[in-house]
C-alpha cells in the first residue's frame, strides 16, 4: 500500500516536503 511504501522508504531516510513517491504500475 501507499502507507507501507512510505513507511519502508522512511526507515532511516527522512522524507522531505515535496518528495515524489511513485507507487508502481
PDBML (XML) file of the C-alpha atoms, coordinates in Angstrom:
<?xml version="1.0" encoding="UTF-8" ?>
<PDBx:datablock datablockName="MODEL"
   xmlns:PDBx="http://pdbml.pdb.org/schema/pdbx-v50.xsd"
   xmlns:xsi="http://www.w3.org/2001/XMLSchema-instance"
   xsi:schemaLocation="http://pdbml.pdb.org/schema/pdbx-v50.xsd pdbx-v50.xsd">
   <PDBx:atom_siteCategory>
      <PDBx:atom_site id="1">
         <PDBx:B_iso_or_equiv>0.00</PDBx:B_iso_or_equiv>
         <PDBx:Cartn_x>0.000</PDBx:Cartn_x>
         <PDBx:Cartn_y>0.000</PDBx:Cartn_y>
         <PDBx:Cartn_z>0.000</PDBx:Cartn_z>
         <PDBx:auth_asym_id>A</PDBx:auth_asym_id>
         <PDBx:auth_atom_id>CA</PDBx:auth_atom_id>
         <PDBx:auth_comp_id>UNK</PDBx:auth_comp_id>
         <PDBx:auth_seq_id>1</PDBx:auth_seq_id>
         <PDBx:group_PDB>ATOM</PDBx:group_PDB>
         <PDBx:label_alt_id xsi:nil="true" />
         <PDBx:label_asym_id>A</PDBx:label_asym_id>
         <PDBx:label_atom_id>CA</PDBx:label_atom_id>
         <PDBx:label_comp_id>UNK</PDBx:label_comp_id>
         <PDBx:label_entity_id>1</PDBx:label_entity_id>
         <PDBx:label_seq_id>1</PDBx:label_seq_id>
         <PDBx:occupancy>1.00</PDBx:occupancy>
         <PDBx:pdbx_PDB_model_num>1</PDBx:pdbx_PDB_model_num>
         <PDBx:type_symbol>C</PDBx:type_symbol>
      </PDBx:atom_site>
      <PDBx:atom_site id="2">
         <PDBx:B_iso_or_equiv>0.00</PDBx:B_iso_or_equiv>
         <PDBx:Cartn_x>0.943</PDBx:Cartn_x>
         <PDBx:Cartn_y>3.655</PDBx:Cartn_y>
         <PDBx:Cartn_z>-0.203</PDBx:Cartn_z>
         <PDBx:auth_asym_id>A</PDBx:auth_asym_id>
         <PDBx:auth_atom_id>CA</PDBx:auth_atom_id>
         <PDBx:auth_comp_id>UNK</PDBx:auth_comp_id>
         <PDBx:auth_seq_id>2</PDBx:auth_seq_id>
         <PDBx:group_PDB>ATOM</PDBx:group_PDB>
         <PDBx:label_alt_id xsi:nil="true" />
         <PDBx:label_asym_id>A</PDBx:label_asym_id>
         <PDBx:label_atom_id>CA</PDBx:label_atom_id>
         <PDBx:label_comp_id>UNK</PDBx:label_comp_id>
         <PDBx:label_entity_id>1</PDBx:label_entity_id>
         <PDBx:label_seq_id>2</PDBx:label_seq_id>
         <PDBx:occupancy>1.00</PDBx:occupancy>
         <PDBx:pdbx_PDB_model_num>1</PDBx:pdbx_PDB_model_num>
         <PDBx:type_symbol>C</PDBx:type_symbol>
      </PDBx:atom_site>
      <PDBx:atom_site id="3">
         <PDBx:B_iso_or_equiv>0.00</PDBx:B_iso_or_equiv>
         <PDBx:Cartn_x>1.307</PDBx:Cartn_x>
         <PDBx:Cartn_y>3.713</PDBx:Cartn_y>
         <PDBx:Cartn_z>3.595</PDBx:Cartn_z>
         <PDBx:auth_asym_id>A</PDBx:auth_asym_id>
         <PDBx:auth_atom_id>CA</PDBx:auth_atom_id>
         <PDBx:auth_comp_id>UNK</PDBx:auth_comp_id>
         <PDBx:auth_seq_id>3</PDBx:auth_seq_id>
         <PDBx:group_PDB>ATOM</PDBx:group_PDB>
         <PDBx:label_alt_id xsi:nil="true" />
         <PDBx:label_asym_id>A</PDBx:label_asym_id>
         <PDBx:label_atom_id>CA</PDBx:label_atom_id>
         <PDBx:label_comp_id>UNK</PDBx:label_comp_id>
         <PDBx:label_entity_id>1</PDBx:label_entity_id>
         <PDBx:label_seq_id>3</PDBx:label_seq_id>
         <PDBx:occupancy>1.00</PDBx:occupancy>
         <PDBx:pdbx_PDB_model_num>1</PDBx:pdbx_PDB_model_num>
         <PDBx:type_symbol>C</PDBx:type_symbol>
      </PDBx:atom_site>
      <PDBx:atom_site id="4">
         <PDBx:B_iso_or_equiv>0.00</PDBx:B_iso_or_equiv>
         <PDBx:Cartn_x>3.587</PDBx:Cartn_x>
         <PDBx:Cartn_y>0.656</PDBx:Cartn_y>
         <PDBx:Cartn_z>3.576</PDBx:Cartn_z>
         <PDBx:auth_asym_id>A</PDBx:auth_asym_id>
         <PDBx:auth_atom_id>CA</PDBx:auth_atom_id>
         <PDBx:auth_comp_id>UNK</PDBx:auth_comp_id>
         <PDBx:auth_seq_id>4</PDBx:auth_seq_id>
         <PDBx:group_PDB>ATOM</PDBx:group_PDB>
         <PDBx:label_alt_id xsi:nil="true" />
         <PDBx:label_asym_id>A</PDBx:label_asym_id>
         <PDBx:label_atom_id>CA</PDBx:label_atom_id>
         <PDBx:label_comp_id>UNK</PDBx:label_comp_id>
         <PDBx:label_entity_id>1</PDBx:label_entity_id>
         <PDBx:label_seq_id>4</PDBx:label_seq_id>
         <PDBx:occupancy>1.00</PDBx:occupancy>
         <PDBx:pdbx_PDB_model_num>1</PDBx:pdbx_PDB_model_num>
         <PDBx:type_symbol>C</PDBx:type_symbol>
      </PDBx:atom_site>
      <PDBx:atom_site id="5">
         <PDBx:B_iso_or_equiv>0.00</PDBx:B_iso_or_equiv>
         <PDBx:Cartn_x>5.754</PDBx:Cartn_x>
         <PDBx:Cartn_y>2.145</PDBx:Cartn_y>
         <PDBx:Cartn_z>0.821</PDBx:Cartn_z>
         <PDBx:auth_asym_id>A</PDBx:auth_asym_id>
         <PDBx:auth_atom_id>CA</PDBx:auth_atom_id>
         <PDBx:auth_comp_id>UNK</PDBx:auth_comp_id>
         <PDBx:auth_seq_id>5</PDBx:auth_seq_id>
         <PDBx:group_PDB>ATOM</PDBx:group_PDB>
         <PDBx:label_alt_id xsi:nil="true" />
         <PDBx:label_asym_id>A</PDBx:label_asym_id>
         <PDBx:label_atom_id>CA</PDBx:label_atom_id>
         <PDBx:label_comp_id>UNK</PDBx:label_comp_id>
         <PDBx:label_entity_id>1</PDBx:label_entity_id>
         <PDBx:label_seq_id>5</PDBx:label_seq_id>
         <PDBx:occupancy>1.00</PDBx:occupancy>
         <PDBx:pdbx_PDB_model_num>1</PDBx:pdbx_PDB_model_num>
         <PDBx:type_symbol>C</PDBx:type_symbol>
      </PDBx:atom_site>
      <PDBx:atom_site id="6">
         <PDBx:B_iso_or_equiv>0.00</PDBx:B_iso_or_equiv>
         <PDBx:Cartn_x>6.176</PDBx:Cartn_x>
         <PDBx:Cartn_y>5.431</PDBx:Cartn_y>
         <PDBx:Cartn_z>2.680</PDBx:Cartn_z>
         <PDBx:auth_asym_id>A</PDBx:auth_asym_id>
         <PDBx:auth_atom_id>CA</PDBx:auth_atom_id>
         <PDBx:auth_comp_id>UNK</PDBx:auth_comp_id>
         <PDBx:auth_seq_id>6</PDBx:auth_seq_id>
         <PDBx:group_PDB>ATOM</PDBx:group_PDB>
         <PDBx:label_alt_id xsi:nil="true" />
         <PDBx:label_asym_id>A</PDBx:label_asym_id>
         <PDBx:label_atom_id>CA</PDBx:label_atom_id>
         <PDBx:label_comp_id>UNK</PDBx:label_comp_id>
         <PDBx:label_entity_id>1</PDBx:label_entity_id>
         <PDBx:label_seq_id>6</PDBx:label_seq_id>
         <PDBx:occupancy>1.00</PDBx:occupancy>
         <PDBx:pdbx_PDB_model_num>1</PDBx:pdbx_PDB_model_num>
         <PDBx:type_symbol>C</PDBx:type_symbol>
      </PDBx:atom_site>
      <PDBx:atom_site id="7">
         <PDBx:B_iso_or_equiv>0.00</PDBx:B_iso_or_equiv>
         <PDBx:Cartn_x>6.989</PDBx:Cartn_x>
         <PDBx:Cartn_y>3.648</PDBx:Cartn_y>
         <PDBx:Cartn_z>5.928</PDBx:Cartn_z>
         <PDBx:auth_asym_id>A</PDBx:auth_asym_id>
         <PDBx:auth_atom_id>CA</PDBx:auth_atom_id>
         <PDBx:auth_comp_id>UNK</PDBx:auth_comp_id>
         <PDBx:auth_seq_id>7</PDBx:auth_seq_id>
         <PDBx:group_PDB>ATOM</PDBx:group_PDB>
         <PDBx:label_alt_id xsi:nil="true" />
         <PDBx:label_asym_id>A</PDBx:label_asym_id>
         <PDBx:label_atom_id>CA</PDBx:label_atom_id>
         <PDBx:label_comp_id>UNK</PDBx:label_comp_id>
         <PDBx:label_entity_id>1</PDBx:label_entity_id>
         <PDBx:label_seq_id>7</PDBx:label_seq_id>
         <PDBx:occupancy>1.00</PDBx:occupancy>
         <PDBx:pdbx_PDB_model_num>1</PDBx:pdbx_PDB_model_num>
         <PDBx:type_symbol>C</PDBx:type_symbol>
      </PDBx:atom_site>
      <PDBx:atom_site id="8">
         <PDBx:B_iso_or_equiv>0.00</PDBx:B_iso_or_equiv>
         <PDBx:Cartn_x>9.573</PDBx:Cartn_x>
         <PDBx:Cartn_y>1.404</PDBx:Cartn_y>
         <PDBx:Cartn_z>4.254</PDBx:Cartn_z>
         <PDBx:auth_asym_id>A</PDBx:auth_asym_id>
         <PDBx:auth_atom_id>CA</PDBx:auth_atom_id>
         <PDBx:auth_comp_id>UNK</PDBx:auth_comp_id>
         <PDBx:auth_seq_id>8</PDBx:auth_seq_id>
         <PDBx:group_PDB>ATOM</PDBx:group_PDB>
         <PDBx:label_alt_id xsi:nil="true" />
         <PDBx:label_asym_id>A</PDBx:label_asym_id>
         <PDBx:label_atom_id>CA</PDBx:label_atom_id>
         <PDBx:label_comp_id>UNK</PDBx:label_comp_id>
         <PDBx:label_entity_id>1</PDBx:label_entity_id>
         <PDBx:label_seq_id>8</PDBx:label_seq_id>
         <PDBx:occupancy>1.00</PDBx:occupancy>
         <PDBx:pdbx_PDB_model_num>1</PDBx:pdbx_PDB_model_num>
         <PDBx:type_symbol>C</PDBx:type_symbol>
      </PDBx:atom_site>
      <PDBx:atom_site id="9">
         <PDBx:B_iso_or_equiv>0.00</PDBx:B_iso_or_equiv>
         <PDBx:Cartn_x>11.132</PDBx:Cartn_x>
         <PDBx:Cartn_y>4.335</PDBx:Cartn_y>
         <PDBx:Cartn_z>2.413</PDBx:Cartn_z>
         <PDBx:auth_asym_id>A</PDBx:auth_asym_id>
         <PDBx:auth_atom_id>CA</PDBx:auth_atom_id>
         <PDBx:auth_comp_id>UNK</PDBx:auth_comp_id>
         <PDBx:auth_seq_id>9</PDBx:auth_seq_id>
         <PDBx:group_PDB>ATOM</PDBx:group_PDB>
         <PDBx:label_alt_id xsi:nil="true" />
         <PDBx:label_asym_id>A</PDBx:label_asym_id>
         <PDBx:label_atom_id>CA</PDBx:label_atom_id>
         <PDBx:label_comp_id>UNK</PDBx:label_comp_id>
         <PDBx:label_entity_id>1</PDBx:label_entity_id>
         <PDBx:label_seq_id>9</PDBx:label_seq_id>
         <PDBx:occupancy>1.00</PDBx:occupancy>
         <PDBx:pdbx_PDB_model_num>1</PDBx:pdbx_PDB_model_num>
         <PDBx:type_symbol>C</PDBx:type_symbol>
      </PDBx:atom_site>
      <PDBx:atom_site id="10">
         <PDBx:B_iso_or_equiv>0.00</PDBx:B_iso_or_equiv>
         <PDBx:Cartn_x>11.324</PDBx:Cartn_x>
         <PDBx:Cartn_y>6.456</PDBx:Cartn_y>
         <PDBx:Cartn_z>5.565</PDBx:Cartn_z>
         <PDBx:auth_asym_id>A</PDBx:auth_asym_id>
         <PDBx:auth_atom_id>CA</PDBx:auth_atom_id>
         <PDBx:auth_comp_id>UNK</PDBx:auth_comp_id>
         <PDBx:auth_seq_id>10</PDBx:auth_seq_id>
         <PDBx:group_PDB>ATOM</PDBx:group_PDB>
         <PDBx:label_alt_id xsi:nil="true" />
         <PDBx:label_asym_id>A</PDBx:label_asym_id>
         <PDBx:label_atom_id>CA</PDBx:label_atom_id>
         <PDBx:label_comp_id>UNK</PDBx:label_comp_id>
         <PDBx:label_entity_id>1</PDBx:label_entity_id>
         <PDBx:label_seq_id>10</PDBx:label_seq_id>
         <PDBx:occupancy>1.00</PDBx:occupancy>
         <PDBx:pdbx_PDB_model_num>1</PDBx:pdbx_PDB_model_num>
         <PDBx:type_symbol>C</PDBx:type_symbol>
      </PDBx:atom_site>
      <PDBx:atom_site id="11">
         <PDBx:B_iso_or_equiv>0.00</PDBx:B_iso_or_equiv>
         <PDBx:Cartn_x>13.218</PDBx:Cartn_x>
         <PDBx:Cartn_y>3.804</PDBx:Cartn_y>
         <PDBx:Cartn_z>7.535</PDBx:Cartn_z>
         <PDBx:auth_asym_id>A</PDBx:auth_asym_id>
         <PDBx:auth_atom_id>CA</PDBx:auth_atom_id>
         <PDBx:auth_comp_id>UNK</PDBx:auth_comp_id>
         <PDBx:auth_seq_id>11</PDBx:auth_seq_id>
         <PDBx:group_PDB>ATOM</PDBx:group_PDB>
         <PDBx:label_alt_id xsi:nil="true" />
         <PDBx:label_asym_id>A</PDBx:label_asym_id>
         <PDBx:label_atom_id>CA</PDBx:label_atom_id>
         <PDBx:label_comp_id>UNK</PDBx:label_comp_id>
         <PDBx:label_entity_id>1</PDBx:label_entity_id>
         <PDBx:label_seq_id>11</PDBx:label_seq_id>
         <PDBx:occupancy>1.00</PDBx:occupancy>
         <PDBx:pdbx_PDB_model_num>1</PDBx:pdbx_PDB_model_num>
         <PDBx:type_symbol>C</PDBx:type_symbol>
      </PDBx:atom_site>
      <PDBx:atom_site id="12">
         <PDBx:B_iso_or_equiv>0.00</PDBx:B_iso_or_equiv>
         <PDBx:Cartn_x>16.434</PDBx:Cartn_x>
         <PDBx:Cartn_y>5.692</PDBx:Cartn_y>
         <PDBx:Cartn_z>8.266</PDBx:Cartn_z>
         <PDBx:auth_asym_id>A</PDBx:auth_asym_id>
         <PDBx:auth_atom_id>CA</PDBx:auth_atom_id>
         <PDBx:auth_comp_id>UNK</PDBx:auth_comp_id>
         <PDBx:auth_seq_id>12</PDBx:auth_seq_id>
         <PDBx:group_PDB>ATOM</PDBx:group_PDB>
         <PDBx:label_alt_id xsi:nil="true" />
         <PDBx:label_asym_id>A</PDBx:label_asym_id>
         <PDBx:label_atom_id>CA</PDBx:label_atom_id>
         <PDBx:label_comp_id>UNK</PDBx:label_comp_id>
         <PDBx:label_entity_id>1</PDBx:label_entity_id>
         <PDBx:label_seq_id>12</PDBx:label_seq_id>
         <PDBx:occupancy>1.00</PDBx:occupancy>
         <PDBx:pdbx_PDB_model_num>1</PDBx:pdbx_PDB_model_num>
         <PDBx:type_symbol>C</PDBx:type_symbol>
      </PDBx:atom_site>
      <PDBx:atom_site id="13">
         <PDBx:B_iso_or_equiv>0.00</PDBx:B_iso_or_equiv>
         <PDBx:Cartn_x>15.788</PDBx:Cartn_x>
         <PDBx:Cartn_y>8.057</PDBx:Cartn_y>
         <PDBx:Cartn_z>5.327</PDBx:Cartn_z>
         <PDBx:auth_asym_id>A</PDBx:auth_asym_id>
         <PDBx:auth_atom_id>CA</PDBx:auth_atom_id>
         <PDBx:auth_comp_id>UNK</PDBx:auth_comp_id>
         <PDBx:auth_seq_id>13</PDBx:auth_seq_id>
         <PDBx:group_PDB>ATOM</PDBx:group_PDB>
         <PDBx:label_alt_id xsi:nil="true" />
         <PDBx:label_asym_id>A</PDBx:label_asym_id>
         <PDBx:label_atom_id>CA</PDBx:label_atom_id>
         <PDBx:label_comp_id>UNK</PDBx:label_comp_id>
         <PDBx:label_entity_id>1</PDBx:label_entity_id>
         <PDBx:label_seq_id>13</PDBx:label_seq_id>
         <PDBx:occupancy>1.00</PDBx:occupancy>
         <PDBx:pdbx_PDB_model_num>1</PDBx:pdbx_PDB_model_num>
         <PDBx:type_symbol>C</PDBx:type_symbol>
      </PDBx:atom_site>
      <PDBx:atom_site id="14">
         <PDBx:B_iso_or_equiv>0.00</PDBx:B_iso_or_equiv>
         <PDBx:Cartn_x>13.946</PDBx:Cartn_x>
         <PDBx:Cartn_y>11.296</PDBx:Cartn_y>
         <PDBx:Cartn_z>6.038</PDBx:Cartn_z>
         <PDBx:auth_asym_id>A</PDBx:auth_asym_id>
         <PDBx:auth_atom_id>CA</PDBx:auth_atom_id>
         <PDBx:auth_comp_id>UNK</PDBx:auth_comp_id>
         <PDBx:auth_seq_id>14</PDBx:auth_seq_id>
         <PDBx:group_PDB>ATOM</PDBx:group_PDB>
         <PDBx:label_alt_id xsi:nil="true" />
         <PDBx:label_asym_id>A</PDBx:label_asym_id>
         <PDBx:label_atom_id>CA</PDBx:label_atom_id>
         <PDBx:label_comp_id>UNK</PDBx:label_comp_id>
         <PDBx:label_entity_id>1</PDBx:label_entity_id>
         <PDBx:label_seq_id>14</PDBx:label_seq_id>
         <PDBx:occupancy>1.00</PDBx:occupancy>
         <PDBx:pdbx_PDB_model_num>1</PDBx:pdbx_PDB_model_num>
         <PDBx:type_symbol>C</PDBx:type_symbol>
      </PDBx:atom_site>
      <PDBx:atom_site id="15">
         <PDBx:B_iso_or_equiv>0.00</PDBx:B_iso_or_equiv>
         <PDBx:Cartn_x>11.039</PDBx:Cartn_x>
         <PDBx:Cartn_y>12.088</PDBx:Cartn_y>
         <PDBx:Cartn_z>3.761</PDBx:Cartn_z>
         <PDBx:auth_asym_id>A</PDBx:auth_asym_id>
         <PDBx:auth_atom_id>CA</PDBx:auth_atom_id>
         <PDBx:auth_comp_id>UNK</PDBx:auth_comp_id>
         <PDBx:auth_seq_id>15</PDBx:auth_seq_id>
         <PDBx:group_PDB>ATOM</PDBx:group_PDB>
         <PDBx:label_alt_id xsi:nil="true" />
         <PDBx:label_asym_id>A</PDBx:label_asym_id>
         <PDBx:label_atom_id>CA</PDBx:label_atom_id>
         <PDBx:label_comp_id>UNK</PDBx:label_comp_id>
         <PDBx:label_entity_id>1</PDBx:label_entity_id>
         <PDBx:label_seq_id>15</PDBx:label_seq_id>
         <PDBx:occupancy>1.00</PDBx:occupancy>
         <PDBx:pdbx_PDB_model_num>1</PDBx:pdbx_PDB_model_num>
         <PDBx:type_symbol>C</PDBx:type_symbol>
      </PDBx:atom_site>
      <PDBx:atom_site id="16">
         <PDBx:B_iso_or_equiv>0.00</PDBx:B_iso_or_equiv>
         <PDBx:Cartn_x>11.124</PDBx:Cartn_x>
         <PDBx:Cartn_y>15.761</PDBx:Cartn_y>
         <PDBx:Cartn_z>2.822</PDBx:Cartn_z>
         <PDBx:auth_asym_id>A</PDBx:auth_asym_id>
         <PDBx:auth_atom_id>CA</PDBx:auth_atom_id>
         <PDBx:auth_comp_id>UNK</PDBx:auth_comp_id>
         <PDBx:auth_seq_id>16</PDBx:auth_seq_id>
         <PDBx:group_PDB>ATOM</PDBx:group_PDB>
         <PDBx:label_alt_id xsi:nil="true" />
         <PDBx:label_asym_id>A</PDBx:label_asym_id>
         <PDBx:label_atom_id>CA</PDBx:label_atom_id>
         <PDBx:label_comp_id>UNK</PDBx:label_comp_id>
         <PDBx:label_entity_id>1</PDBx:label_entity_id>
         <PDBx:label_seq_id>16</PDBx:label_seq_id>
         <PDBx:occupancy>1.00</PDBx:occupancy>
         <PDBx:pdbx_PDB_model_num>1</PDBx:pdbx_PDB_model_num>
         <PDBx:type_symbol>C</PDBx:type_symbol>
      </PDBx:atom_site>
      <PDBx:atom_site id="17">
         <PDBx:B_iso_or_equiv>0.00</PDBx:B_iso_or_equiv>
         <PDBx:Cartn_x>8.316</PDBx:Cartn_x>
         <PDBx:Cartn_y>18.131</PDBx:Cartn_y>
         <PDBx:Cartn_z>1.757</PDBx:Cartn_z>
         <PDBx:auth_asym_id>A</PDBx:auth_asym_id>
         <PDBx:auth_atom_id>CA</PDBx:auth_atom_id>
         <PDBx:auth_comp_id>UNK</PDBx:auth_comp_id>
         <PDBx:auth_seq_id>17</PDBx:auth_seq_id>
         <PDBx:group_PDB>ATOM</PDBx:group_PDB>
         <PDBx:label_alt_id xsi:nil="true" />
         <PDBx:label_asym_id>A</PDBx:label_asym_id>
         <PDBx:label_atom_id>CA</PDBx:label_atom_id>
         <PDBx:label_comp_id>UNK</PDBx:label_comp_id>
         <PDBx:label_entity_id>1</PDBx:label_entity_id>
         <PDBx:label_seq_id>17</PDBx:label_seq_id>
         <PDBx:occupancy>1.00</PDBx:occupancy>
         <PDBx:pdbx_PDB_model_num>1</PDBx:pdbx_PDB_model_num>
         <PDBx:type_symbol>C</PDBx:type_symbol>
      </PDBx:atom_site>
      <PDBx:atom_site id="18">
         <PDBx:B_iso_or_equiv>0.00</PDBx:B_iso_or_equiv>
         <PDBx:Cartn_x>7.858</PDBx:Cartn_x>
         <PDBx:Cartn_y>17.909</PDBx:Cartn_y>
         <PDBx:Cartn_z>-1.999</PDBx:Cartn_z>
         <PDBx:auth_asym_id>A</PDBx:auth_asym_id>
         <PDBx:auth_atom_id>CA</PDBx:auth_atom_id>
         <PDBx:auth_comp_id>UNK</PDBx:auth_comp_id>
         <PDBx:auth_seq_id>18</PDBx:auth_seq_id>
         <PDBx:group_PDB>ATOM</PDBx:group_PDB>
         <PDBx:label_alt_id xsi:nil="true" />
         <PDBx:label_asym_id>A</PDBx:label_asym_id>
         <PDBx:label_atom_id>CA</PDBx:label_atom_id>
         <PDBx:label_comp_id>UNK</PDBx:label_comp_id>
         <PDBx:label_entity_id>1</PDBx:label_entity_id>
         <PDBx:label_seq_id>18</PDBx:label_seq_id>
         <PDBx:occupancy>1.00</PDBx:occupancy>
         <PDBx:pdbx_PDB_model_num>1</PDBx:pdbx_PDB_model_num>
         <PDBx:type_symbol>C</PDBx:type_symbol>
      </PDBx:atom_site>
      <PDBx:atom_site id="19">
         <PDBx:B_iso_or_equiv>0.00</PDBx:B_iso_or_equiv>
         <PDBx:Cartn_x>9.288</PDBx:Cartn_x>
         <PDBx:Cartn_y>14.404</PDBx:Cartn_y>
         <PDBx:Cartn_z>-2.358</PDBx:Cartn_z>
         <PDBx:auth_asym_id>A</PDBx:auth_asym_id>
         <PDBx:auth_atom_id>CA</PDBx:auth_atom_id>
         <PDBx:auth_comp_id>UNK</PDBx:auth_comp_id>
         <PDBx:auth_seq_id>19</PDBx:auth_seq_id>
         <PDBx:group_PDB>ATOM</PDBx:group_PDB>
         <PDBx:label_alt_id xsi:nil="true" />
         <PDBx:label_asym_id>A</PDBx:label_asym_id>
         <PDBx:label_atom_id>CA</PDBx:label_atom_id>
         <PDBx:label_comp_id>UNK</PDBx:label_comp_id>
         <PDBx:label_entity_id>1</PDBx:label_entity_id>
         <PDBx:label_seq_id>19</PDBx:label_seq_id>
         <PDBx:occupancy>1.00</PDBx:occupancy>
         <PDBx:pdbx_PDB_model_num>1</PDBx:pdbx_PDB_model_num>
         <PDBx:type_symbol>C</PDBx:type_symbol>
      </PDBx:atom_site>
      <PDBx:atom_site id="20">
         <PDBx:B_iso_or_equiv>0.00</PDBx:B_iso_or_equiv>
         <PDBx:Cartn_x>7.648</PDBx:Cartn_x>
         <PDBx:Cartn_y>12.373</PDBx:Cartn_y>
         <PDBx:Cartn_z>-5.114</PDBx:Cartn_z>
         <PDBx:auth_asym_id>A</PDBx:auth_asym_id>
         <PDBx:auth_atom_id>CA</PDBx:auth_atom_id>
         <PDBx:auth_comp_id>UNK</PDBx:auth_comp_id>
         <PDBx:auth_seq_id>20</PDBx:auth_seq_id>
         <PDBx:group_PDB>ATOM</PDBx:group_PDB>
         <PDBx:label_alt_id xsi:nil="true" />
         <PDBx:label_asym_id>A</PDBx:label_asym_id>
         <PDBx:label_atom_id>CA</PDBx:label_atom_id>
         <PDBx:label_comp_id>UNK</PDBx:label_comp_id>
         <PDBx:label_entity_id>1</PDBx:label_entity_id>
         <PDBx:label_seq_id>20</PDBx:label_seq_id>
         <PDBx:occupancy>1.00</PDBx:occupancy>
         <PDBx:pdbx_PDB_model_num>1</PDBx:pdbx_PDB_model_num>
         <PDBx:type_symbol>C</PDBx:type_symbol>
      </PDBx:atom_site>
      <PDBx:atom_site id="21">
         <PDBx:B_iso_or_equiv>0.00</PDBx:B_iso_or_equiv>
         <PDBx:Cartn_x>6.959</PDBx:Cartn_x>
         <PDBx:Cartn_y>8.712</PDBx:Cartn_y>
         <PDBx:Cartn_z>-4.407</PDBx:Cartn_z>
         <PDBx:auth_asym_id>A</PDBx:auth_asym_id>
         <PDBx:auth_atom_id>CA</PDBx:auth_atom_id>
         <PDBx:auth_comp_id>UNK</PDBx:auth_comp_id>
         <PDBx:auth_seq_id>21</PDBx:auth_seq_id>
         <PDBx:group_PDB>ATOM</PDBx:group_PDB>
         <PDBx:label_alt_id xsi:nil="true" />
         <PDBx:label_asym_id>A</PDBx:label_asym_id>
         <PDBx:label_atom_id>CA</PDBx:label_atom_id>
         <PDBx:label_comp_id>UNK</PDBx:label_comp_id>
         <PDBx:label_entity_id>1</PDBx:label_entity_id>
         <PDBx:label_seq_id>21</PDBx:label_seq_id>
         <PDBx:occupancy>1.00</PDBx:occupancy>
         <PDBx:pdbx_PDB_model_num>1</PDBx:pdbx_PDB_model_num>
         <PDBx:type_symbol>C</PDBx:type_symbol>
      </PDBx:atom_site>
      <PDBx:atom_site id="22">
         <PDBx:B_iso_or_equiv>0.00</PDBx:B_iso_or_equiv>
         <PDBx:Cartn_x>5.825</PDBx:Cartn_x>
         <PDBx:Cartn_y>6.626</PDBx:Cartn_y>
         <PDBx:Cartn_z>-7.392</PDBx:Cartn_z>
         <PDBx:auth_asym_id>A</PDBx:auth_asym_id>
         <PDBx:auth_atom_id>CA</PDBx:auth_atom_id>
         <PDBx:auth_comp_id>UNK</PDBx:auth_comp_id>
         <PDBx:auth_seq_id>22</PDBx:auth_seq_id>
         <PDBx:group_PDB>ATOM</PDBx:group_PDB>
         <PDBx:label_alt_id xsi:nil="true" />
         <PDBx:label_asym_id>A</PDBx:label_asym_id>
         <PDBx:label_atom_id>CA</PDBx:label_atom_id>
         <PDBx:label_comp_id>UNK</PDBx:label_comp_id>
         <PDBx:label_entity_id>1</PDBx:label_entity_id>
         <PDBx:label_seq_id>22</PDBx:label_seq_id>
         <PDBx:occupancy>1.00</PDBx:occupancy>
         <PDBx:pdbx_PDB_model_num>1</PDBx:pdbx_PDB_model_num>
         <PDBx:type_symbol>C</PDBx:type_symbol>
      </PDBx:atom_site>
      <PDBx:atom_site id="23">
         <PDBx:B_iso_or_equiv>0.00</PDBx:B_iso_or_equiv>
         <PDBx:Cartn_x>3.944</PDBx:Cartn_x>
         <PDBx:Cartn_y>3.507</PDBx:Cartn_y>
         <PDBx:Cartn_z>-6.327</PDBx:Cartn_z>
         <PDBx:auth_asym_id>A</PDBx:auth_asym_id>
         <PDBx:auth_atom_id>CA</PDBx:auth_atom_id>
         <PDBx:auth_comp_id>UNK</PDBx:auth_comp_id>
         <PDBx:auth_seq_id>23</PDBx:auth_seq_id>
         <PDBx:group_PDB>ATOM</PDBx:group_PDB>
         <PDBx:label_alt_id xsi:nil="true" />
         <PDBx:label_asym_id>A</PDBx:label_asym_id>
         <PDBx:label_atom_id>CA</PDBx:label_atom_id>
         <PDBx:label_comp_id>UNK</PDBx:label_comp_id>
         <PDBx:label_entity_id>1</PDBx:label_entity_id>
         <PDBx:label_seq_id>23</PDBx:label_seq_id>
         <PDBx:occupancy>1.00</PDBx:occupancy>
         <PDBx:pdbx_PDB_model_num>1</PDBx:pdbx_PDB_model_num>
         <PDBx:type_symbol>C</PDBx:type_symbol>
      </PDBx:atom_site>
      <PDBx:atom_site id="24">
         <PDBx:B_iso_or_equiv>0.00</PDBx:B_iso_or_equiv>
         <PDBx:Cartn_x>4.326</PDBx:Cartn_x>
         <PDBx:Cartn_y>1.066</PDBx:Cartn_y>
         <PDBx:Cartn_z>-9.218</PDBx:Cartn_z>
         <PDBx:auth_asym_id>A</PDBx:auth_asym_id>
         <PDBx:auth_atom_id>CA</PDBx:auth_atom_id>
         <PDBx:auth_comp_id>UNK</PDBx:auth_comp_id>
         <PDBx:auth_seq_id>24</PDBx:auth_seq_id>
         <PDBx:group_PDB>ATOM</PDBx:group_PDB>
         <PDBx:label_alt_id xsi:nil="true" />
         <PDBx:label_asym_id>A</PDBx:label_asym_id>
         <PDBx:label_atom_id>CA</PDBx:label_atom_id>
         <PDBx:label_comp_id>UNK</PDBx:label_comp_id>
         <PDBx:label_entity_id>1</PDBx:label_entity_id>
         <PDBx:label_seq_id>24</PDBx:label_seq_id>
         <PDBx:occupancy>1.00</PDBx:occupancy>
         <PDBx:pdbx_PDB_model_num>1</PDBx:pdbx_PDB_model_num>
         <PDBx:type_symbol>C</PDBx:type_symbol>
      </PDBx:atom_site>
      <PDBx:atom_site id="25">
         <PDBx:B_iso_or_equiv>0.00</PDBx:B_iso_or_equiv>
         <PDBx:Cartn_x>2.434</PDBx:Cartn_x>
         <PDBx:Cartn_y>0.186</PDBx:Cartn_y>
         <PDBx:Cartn_z>-12.381</PDBx:Cartn_z>
         <PDBx:auth_asym_id>A</PDBx:auth_asym_id>
         <PDBx:auth_atom_id>CA</PDBx:auth_atom_id>
         <PDBx:auth_comp_id>UNK</PDBx:auth_comp_id>
         <PDBx:auth_seq_id>25</PDBx:auth_seq_id>
         <PDBx:group_PDB>ATOM</PDBx:group_PDB>
         <PDBx:label_alt_id xsi:nil="true" />
         <PDBx:label_asym_id>A</PDBx:label_asym_id>
         <PDBx:label_atom_id>CA</PDBx:label_atom_id>
         <PDBx:label_comp_id>UNK</PDBx:label_comp_id>
         <PDBx:label_entity_id>1</PDBx:label_entity_id>
         <PDBx:label_seq_id>25</PDBx:label_seq_id>
         <PDBx:occupancy>1.00</PDBx:occupancy>
         <PDBx:pdbx_PDB_model_num>1</PDBx:pdbx_PDB_model_num>
         <PDBx:type_symbol>C</PDBx:type_symbol>
      </PDBx:atom_site>
   </PDBx:atom_siteCategory>
</PDBx:datablock>
